[in-house]
Protein backbone atom coordinates (compact mmCIF):
# COMPACT_ATOMS: atom_id res chain seq x y z
CA UNK A 1 -0.23 0.08 0.11
CA UNK A 2 1.46 3.50 -0.97
CA UNK A 3 1.95 6.03 1.56
CA UNK A 4 0.55 9.38 1.62
CA UNK A 5 1.79 12.32 2.68
CA UNK A 6 -0.20 14.98 4.51
CA UNK A 7 -0.64 17.01 1.82
CA UNK A 8 -2.59 14.53 -0.22
CA UNK A 9 -5.91 15.32 0.36
CA UNK A 10 -4.97 18.79 -1.22
CA UNK A 11 -3.47 17.41 -3.72
CA UNK A 12 -6.44 15.34 -5.02
CA UNK A 13 -9.11 18.24 -4.59
CA UNK A 14 -6.21 20.68 -6.53
CA UNK A 15 -6.75 17.95 -9.53
CA UNK A 16 -3.62 16.27 -8.93
CA UNK A 17 -2.87 13.31 -11.22
CA UNK A 18 -1.17 10.98 -8.65
CA UNK A 19 0.70 7.75 -9.31
CA UNK A 20 2.79 5.42 -7.26
CA UNK A 21 6.52 7.11 -6.98
CA UNK A 22 9.06 5.81 -4.62
CA UNK A 23 6.43 4.28 -1.95
CA UNK A 24 4.12 7.17 -1.90
CA UNK A 25 1.00 8.20 -3.79
CA UNK A 26 2.51 11.52 -5.55
CA UNK A 27 0.98 14.35 -7.88
CA UNK A 28 2.71 14.19 -11.20
CA UNK A 29 0.69 17.22 -12.29
CA UNK A 30 -2.28 19.35 -11.65
CA UNK A 31 -4.76 20.77 -14.06
CA UNK A 32 -2.85 23.06 -15.75
CA UNK A 33 -0.16 20.45 -16.62
CA UNK A 34 4.03 20.19 -16.72
CA UNK A 35 4.55 22.57 -18.96
CA UNK A 36 2.66 25.16 -17.57
CA UNK A 37 4.16 24.08 -13.86
CA UNK A 38 7.69 24.25 -15.23
CA UNK A 39 7.29 27.59 -16.66
CA UNK A 40 5.63 29.16 -13.78
CA UNK A 41 8.66 28.01 -11.64
CA UNK A 42 10.82 30.09 -14.11
CA UNK A 43 9.08 33.03 -14.34
CA UNK A 44 7.55 33.55 -10.89
CA UNK A 45 6.76 31.12 -8.25
CA UNK A 46 5.63 27.30 -7.61
CA UNK A 47 5.22 25.39 -4.63
CA UNK A 48 6.29 21.82 -4.09
CA UNK A 49 5.22 19.08 -1.93
CA UNK A 50 8.60 17.21 -1.28
CA UNK A 51 7.86 15.07 2.09
CA UNK A 52 8.63 12.12 0.69
CA UNK A 53 12.08 12.49 0.86
CA UNK A 54 13.99 11.16 3.82
CA UNK A 55 15.55 12.39 6.46
CA UNK A 56 18.40 11.19 9.13
CA UNK A 57 19.66 12.51 11.91
CA UNK A 58 23.36 11.93 12.79
CA UNK A 59 24.49 12.75 16.59
CA UNK A 60 27.00 12.21 19.24
CA UNK A 61 30.47 13.30 20.22
CA UNK A 62 31.97 11.43 16.62
CA UNK A 63 29.17 12.65 14.65
CA UNK A 64 31.44 14.80 12.30
CA UNK A 65 34.63 11.92 12.02
CA UNK A 66 31.25 9.51 11.27
CA UNK A 67 30.04 11.46 8.41
CA UNK A 68 33.16 12.41 7.18
CA UNK A 69 33.76 8.53 6.39
CA UNK A 70 30.47 8.22 5.13
CA UNK A 71 30.07 11.10 2.61
CA UNK A 72 32.52 11.98 -0.10
CA UNK A 73 32.18 15.73 0.16
CA UNK A 74 34.22 17.47 3.15
CA UNK A 75 31.73 17.76 5.93
CA UNK A 76 34.60 19.23 8.33
CA UNK A 77 34.43 22.37 5.92
CA UNK A 78 30.90 23.15 6.76
CA UNK A 79 30.29 26.06 8.95
CA UNK A 80 26.80 26.09 11.25
CA UNK A 81 23.72 26.23 9.31
CA UNK A 82 25.52 25.76 6.21
CA UNK A 83 24.31 22.81 3.56
CA UNK A 84 26.61 20.80 1.71
CA UNK A 85 25.26 18.66 -1.73
CA UNK A 86 27.24 15.17 -1.87
CA UNK A 87 27.34 11.40 -2.47
CA UNK A 88 28.06 8.52 0.12
CA UNK A 89 29.65 5.45 -2.32
CA UNK A 90 29.77 1.63 -1.94
CA UNK A 91 33.50 0.63 -1.65
CA UNK A 92 33.94 0.14 -5.50
CA UNK A 93 32.71 3.94 -5.81
CA UNK A 94 29.43 3.03 -6.92
CA UNK A 95 26.83 5.86 -6.04
CA UNK A 96 24.78 4.71 -2.51
CA UNK A 97 22.61 8.03 -2.89
CA UNK A 98 23.24 11.88 -3.39
CA UNK A 99 22.00 13.94 -0.54
CA UNK A 100 22.10 17.11 0.83
CA UNK A 101 24.04 17.49 4.56
CA UNK A 102 23.00 20.27 6.97
CA UNK A 103 25.32 21.29 9.77
CA UNK A 104 22.67 22.19 12.19
CA UNK A 105 23.41 22.92 16.37
CA UNK A 106 23.64 19.64 17.63
CA UNK A 107 23.35 17.68 14.68
CA UNK A 108 23.84 16.42 10.99
CA UNK A 109 20.69 16.24 9.05
CA UNK A 110 20.92 14.05 6.06
CA UNK A 111 17.89 14.46 3.06
CA UNK A 112 17.83 11.79 0.80
CA UNK A 113 15.93 10.18 -1.87
CA UNK A 114 12.75 8.83 -1.22
CA UNK A 115 12.87 5.53 -3.10
CA UNK A 116 16.62 5.52 -1.37
CA UNK A 117 16.03 6.28 2.65
CA UNK A 118 15.74 2.26 3.92
CA UNK A 119 18.88 1.38 1.62
CA UNK A 120 20.64 4.54 2.79
CA UNK A 121 19.55 3.80 6.40
CA UNK A 122 20.59 0.12 6.71
CA UNK A 123 23.43 1.13 4.59
CA UNK A 124 24.67 3.60 7.10
CA UNK A 125 23.50 1.53 10.28
CA UNK A 126 25.84 -1.15 8.75
CA UNK A 127 28.95 0.83 8.59
CA UNK A 128 28.24 2.26 11.84
CA UNK A 129 28.78 -1.39 13.32
CA UNK A 130 32.36 -0.75 13.00
CA UNK A 131 33.03 2.40 13.98
CA UNK A 132 34.53 2.78 17.01
CA UNK A 133 33.40 6.26 18.09
CA UNK A 134 30.08 7.49 19.74
CA UNK A 135 27.34 7.97 17.11
CA UNK A 136 23.58 7.95 16.92
CA UNK A 137 21.69 7.59 14.04
CA UNK A 138 18.04 8.26 13.98
CA UNK A 139 15.88 8.19 10.86
CA UNK A 140 12.97 11.21 10.97
CA UNK A 141 11.33 10.79 7.90
CA UNK A 142 7.85 10.03 9.23
CA UNK A 143 8.00 13.25 11.74
CA UNK A 144 9.05 15.89 8.84
CA UNK A 145 7.27 17.32 5.54
CA UNK A 146 9.16 19.33 3.13
CA UNK A 147 8.02 22.43 0.80
CA UNK A 148 10.03 23.53 -1.90
CA UNK A 149 9.06 27.06 -3.02
CA UNK A 150 10.98 27.69 -5.91
CA UNK A 151 11.46 30.72 -8.36
CA UNK A 152 12.12 34.10 -8.77
CA UNK A 153 9.51 35.65 -6.70
CA UNK A 154 10.07 33.20 -3.94
CA UNK A 155 11.92 35.45 -1.20
CA UNK A 156 8.93 37.97 -1.50
CA UNK A 157 6.39 35.35 -1.55
CA UNK A 158 8.27 33.93 1.92
CA UNK A 159 9.02 36.87 3.11
CA UNK A 160 5.18 38.03 4.05
CA UNK A 161 5.05 35.28 6.16
CA UNK A 162 8.15 35.50 8.00
CA UNK A 163 9.51 38.05 10.85
CA UNK A 164 12.84 37.03 9.65
CA UNK A 165 15.34 38.98 7.09
CA UNK A 166 15.26 36.62 4.45
CA UNK A 167 18.19 38.17 2.81
CA UNK A 168 20.47 36.76 5.91
CA UNK A 169 19.54 33.31 4.66
CA UNK A 170 22.97 32.65 2.30
CA UNK A 171 22.67 30.09 -0.78
CA UNK A 172 23.20 26.91 0.69
CA UNK A 173 22.51 27.92 4.40
CA UNK A 174 19.56 27.36 6.68
CA UNK A 175 18.29 29.31 9.37
CA UNK A 176 15.39 28.02 12.20
CA UNK A 177 12.35 30.36 12.22
CA UNK A 178 8.77 30.46 11.89
CA UNK A 179 6.90 30.61 8.44
CA UNK A 180 2.93 31.48 9.40
CA UNK A 181 3.50 30.95 12.86
CA UNK A 182 5.05 27.40 12.66
CA UNK A 183 8.34 26.66 14.01
CA UNK A 184 10.51 25.31 10.82
CA UNK A 185 13.69 25.11 9.31
CA UNK A 186 14.30 27.21 5.87
CA UNK A 187 17.21 26.54 3.79
CA UNK A 188 18.08 28.79 0.69
CA UNK A 189 18.37 25.44 -1.41
CA UNK A 190 16.46 23.60 -3.95
CA UNK A 191 16.48 21.60 -7.20
CA UNK A 192 15.43 23.76 -10.22
CA UNK A 193 18.31 26.40 -10.80
CA UNK A 194 15.84 28.95 -9.46
CA UNK A 195 16.22 30.76 -6.20
CA UNK A 196 14.19 29.22 -3.28
CA UNK A 197 13.74 27.61 -0.25
CA UNK A 198 13.50 24.38 1.09
CA UNK A 199 11.26 23.98 4.46
CA UNK A 200 11.04 21.48 6.82
CA UNK A 201 8.44 21.54 9.42
CA UNK A 202 6.37 18.82 12.18
CA UNK A 203 3.71 16.73 9.71
CA UNK A 204 1.08 18.34 11.43
CA UNK A 205 1.54 22.11 10.20
CA UNK A 206 2.12 20.77 6.59
CA UNK A 207 -1.52 21.84 5.21
CA UNK A 208 -1.47 25.15 7.08
CA UNK A 209 2.34 25.79 5.71
CA UNK A 210 1.01 24.82 2.16
CA UNK A 211 -2.05 27.26 2.14
CA UNK A 212 -0.47 30.17 3.63
CA UNK A 213 2.42 30.34 0.90
CA UNK A 214 0.06 29.69 -1.79
CA UNK A 215 -2.43 32.53 -0.68
CA UNK A 216 0.80 34.52 0.07
CA UNK A 217 1.79 33.91 -3.50
CA UNK A 218 -1.15 34.75 -5.43
CA UNK A 219 -0.23 38.14 -6.75
CA UNK A 220 2.81 35.88 -8.40
CA UNK A 221 0.18 33.73 -9.81
CA UNK A 222 1.74 30.96 -8.11
CA UNK A 223 1.03 27.24 -8.84
CA UNK A 224 1.77 24.04 -6.90
CA UNK A 225 4.08 21.80 -9.42
CA UNK A 226 4.12 17.94 -9.17
CA UNK A 227 6.79 15.44 -10.04
CA UNK A 228 6.90 16.08 -13.88
CA UNK A 229 8.09 19.42 -13.48
CA UNK A 230 9.90 18.86 -10.87
CA UNK A 231 11.85 16.16 -13.37
CA UNK A 232 11.96 18.77 -16.44
CA UNK A 233 13.27 21.40 -13.68
CA UNK A 234 16.32 19.73 -12.94
CA UNK A 235 17.20 18.13 -16.40
CA UNK A 236 17.04 22.06 -17.87
CA UNK A 237 19.66 22.27 -15.39
CA UNK A 238 21.92 19.10 -15.98
CA UNK A 239 21.37 17.50 -12.16
CA UNK A 240 21.46 14.27 -12.10
CA UNK A 241 18.51 12.20 -10.47
CA UNK A 242 18.99 9.37 -8.52
CA UNK A 243 17.94 5.85 -10.43
CA UNK A 244 18.34 7.52 -14.31
CA UNK A 245 21.49 9.41 -14.15
CA UNK A 246 23.07 7.82 -11.24
CA UNK A 247 22.86 4.45 -9.02
CA UNK A 248 25.55 2.13 -7.79
CA UNK A 249 26.54 1.04 -11.20
CA UNK A 250 27.76 4.59 -11.82
CA UNK A 251 30.81 6.70 -9.67
CA UNK A 252 30.75 10.22 -8.70
CA UNK A 253 33.74 10.72 -11.25
CA UNK A 254 31.71 9.54 -14.40
CA UNK A 255 28.74 11.68 -13.23
CA UNK A 256 30.58 14.96 -13.20
CA UNK A 257 30.45 14.95 -9.78
CA UNK A 258 33.98 15.22 -8.87
CA UNK A 259 33.02 18.62 -7.62
CA UNK A 260 31.79 16.88 -4.60
CA UNK A 261 34.07 14.13 -3.92
CA UNK A 262 37.40 15.20 -2.15
CA UNK A 263 39.75 12.47 -2.55
CA UNK A 264 42.45 14.58 -1.06
CA UNK A 265 40.62 14.32 2.43
CA UNK A 266 41.41 11.46 5.06
CA UNK A 267 39.99 7.60 4.40
CA UNK A 268 36.08 8.06 3.17
CA UNK A 269 34.30 4.61 1.56
CA UNK A 270 34.96 4.17 -1.76
CA UNK A 271 37.89 6.79 -2.08
CA UNK A 272 40.51 4.06 -2.74
CA UNK A 273 37.86 3.21 -5.91
CA UNK A 274 37.78 6.27 -7.06
CA UNK A 275 41.38 7.48 -6.77
CA UNK A 276 42.09 4.32 -8.41
CA UNK A 277 39.48 5.07 -11.48
CA UNK A 278 40.94 9.16 -11.84
CA UNK A 279 44.53 7.51 -12.15
CA UNK A 280 43.45 4.70 -14.55
CA UNK A 281 41.32 7.13 -16.72
CA UNK A 282 37.60 7.49 -16.93
CA UNK A 283 36.15 5.08 -19.63
CA UNK A 284 32.77 7.02 -20.09
CA UNK A 285 31.14 10.30 -19.16
CA UNK A 286 27.77 11.70 -18.07
CA UNK A 287 26.77 14.74 -20.82
CA UNK A 288 23.93 17.15 -21.81
CA UNK A 289 22.22 16.88 -25.65
CA UNK A 290 19.80 18.51 -27.60
CA UNK A 291 17.78 16.41 -29.88
CA UNK A 292 17.09 17.96 -33.66
CA UNK A 293 13.34 18.05 -33.84
CA UNK A 294 10.61 17.44 -30.96
CA UNK A 295 11.61 13.74 -30.87
CA UNK A 296 11.77 12.75 -27.17
CA UNK A 297 15.81 10.69 -26.10
CA UNK A 298 14.08 8.03 -23.55
CA UNK A 299 16.16 6.28 -20.74
CA UNK A 300 17.56 3.48 -22.22
CA UNK A 301 17.73 4.51 -25.66
CA UNK A 302 21.13 3.88 -27.49
CA UNK A 303 23.42 6.81 -28.13
CA UNK A 304 25.56 6.74 -31.45
CA UNK A 305 28.44 8.13 -33.31
CA UNK A 306 28.36 7.06 -36.63
CA UNK A 307 25.74 4.27 -36.53
CA UNK A 308 28.16 2.79 -33.72
CA UNK A 309 26.59 2.58 -30.12
CA UNK A 310 28.96 5.20 -27.56
CA UNK A 311 26.41 5.05 -24.76
CA UNK A 312 23.01 5.14 -23.33
CA UNK A 313 20.35 7.92 -22.60
CA UNK A 314 19.58 8.17 -19.18
CA UNK A 315 17.03 11.23 -19.07
CA UNK A 316 15.14 12.72 -21.80
CA UNK A 317 12.44 15.03 -22.14
CA UNK A 318 11.07 18.45 -24.02
CA UNK A 319 12.02 21.54 -22.15
CA UNK A 320 9.02 24.26 -22.88
CA UNK A 321 11.39 26.82 -21.00
CA UNK A 322 13.90 26.78 -24.46
CA UNK A 323 11.34 24.64 -26.57
CA UNK A 324 14.02 21.87 -27.47
CA UNK A 325 14.27 18.58 -26.88
CA UNK A 326 17.10 17.51 -24.67
CA UNK A 327 18.34 14.72 -22.49
CA UNK A 328 21.62 13.44 -20.45
CA UNK A 329 23.55 10.12 -21.11
CA UNK A 330 26.78 8.46 -20.65
CA UNK A 331 29.33 7.95 -23.85
CA UNK A 332 32.32 6.53 -24.21
CA UNK A 333 35.40 9.36 -22.95
CA UNK A 334 36.59 11.04 -25.69
CA UNK A 335 33.31 11.73 -27.39
CA UNK A 336 32.16 14.00 -24.52
CA UNK A 337 33.30 17.41 -25.84
CA UNK A 338 30.47 20.27 -26.52
CA UNK A 339 29.63 20.49 -30.26
CA UNK A 340 30.18 16.57 -30.84
CA UNK A 341 27.54 15.49 -33.31
CA UNK A 342 25.49 11.82 -32.04
CA UNK A 343 22.58 10.34 -33.08
CA UNK A 344 20.09 8.81 -30.66
CA UNK A 345 18.02 5.53 -31.77
CA UNK A 346 14.28 6.45 -31.13
CA UNK A 347 12.74 3.36 -31.54
CA UNK A 348 14.36 2.51 -34.06
CA UNK A 349 15.13 5.98 -36.00
CA UNK A 350 18.24 7.51 -36.09
CA UNK A 351 17.53 11.18 -34.82
CA UNK A 352 20.42 13.84 -34.97
CA UNK A 353 21.92 15.40 -31.75
CA UNK A 354 24.88 17.51 -30.38
CA UNK A 355 26.60 17.87 -26.73
CA UNK A 356 25.92 20.84 -24.88
CA UNK A 357 27.31 21.95 -21.73
CA UNK A 358 24.58 22.36 -19.58
CA UNK A 359 22.50 23.72 -18.02
CA UNK A 360 19.97 24.41 -20.64
CA UNK A 361 18.98 27.39 -19.07
CA UNK A 362 20.52 29.85 -16.75
CA UNK A 363 20.41 29.21 -13.64
CA UNK A 364 18.98 32.36 -11.12
CA UNK A 365 20.18 30.83 -7.85
CA UNK A 366 21.27 33.62 -5.54
CA UNK A 367 24.93 32.51 -4.97
CA UNK A 368 26.55 34.60 -2.32
């Protein structure tokens, strides 16, 4: 039986087309459709229910040492209330998950992909069995709701509901505050490339917060945004989606995530394999591409060069914001340069494409 977030009834009332996703019943689109929702986020603002995401808390006197050994990024560099994007890897360098790490005053909060929550938790708990330090691990996913307000009007909309000066929250930082009178953790993060906020609250407060933000966004014609548009927006930015562009068979180096893989830091799970891979040279690389015409490059379609298969598509869709068919996929190293011509095998028909450097649209994230 799929689980439901605290906002399920609201999604249904808004005309959300409900589908099974990562063990939940979630809306894939509302009445105006995926394209309208994706354009609304880029033009003013959209509100997402991302309460299906998992939250895992790491506490204890050795929490930092423990965390440093299970993620690829450098947790020790985090300031209080700073947020960090990272990967967790298996010993062979394959990706367990990609996630956010929040350094809070008394704990570290890991926000993981919904479909991976239990797998991540088991992996972390298993690693703790061989760790001598003092660490506690708690899955708090069931008690936390998460909303994402994204788009250029986000600060103006959220500003109506908080006493805090939102200018104080820098890019990839967070703060405890109240939104519409409810205690929340607000971070200046998101996965759309737009300025915006992610808001973590008690499950019981999710409905009130959802309603208050939509009402505050009336002047911006804010729209609720569902899974379909969320996937499109991250694809426009060239951001990876676990289960599509990255998984246990791919490494961060192959997936263009070397920037969150600190091979110079002390030992972490997967480091030896990744160092060996880097020294030996990669065999493939994740790229972004455009397709000529309106054919959609679906996951699993072959990428060809002069009729020879050189890789596979991992994600693809039609972007309403640039009005082009776009995608991502792995290709043999040596064929990843921008401007390289490729073909996509779309159900037996060869369609021309070209490798380009993502993002496909300009980011407006407030990076300061």
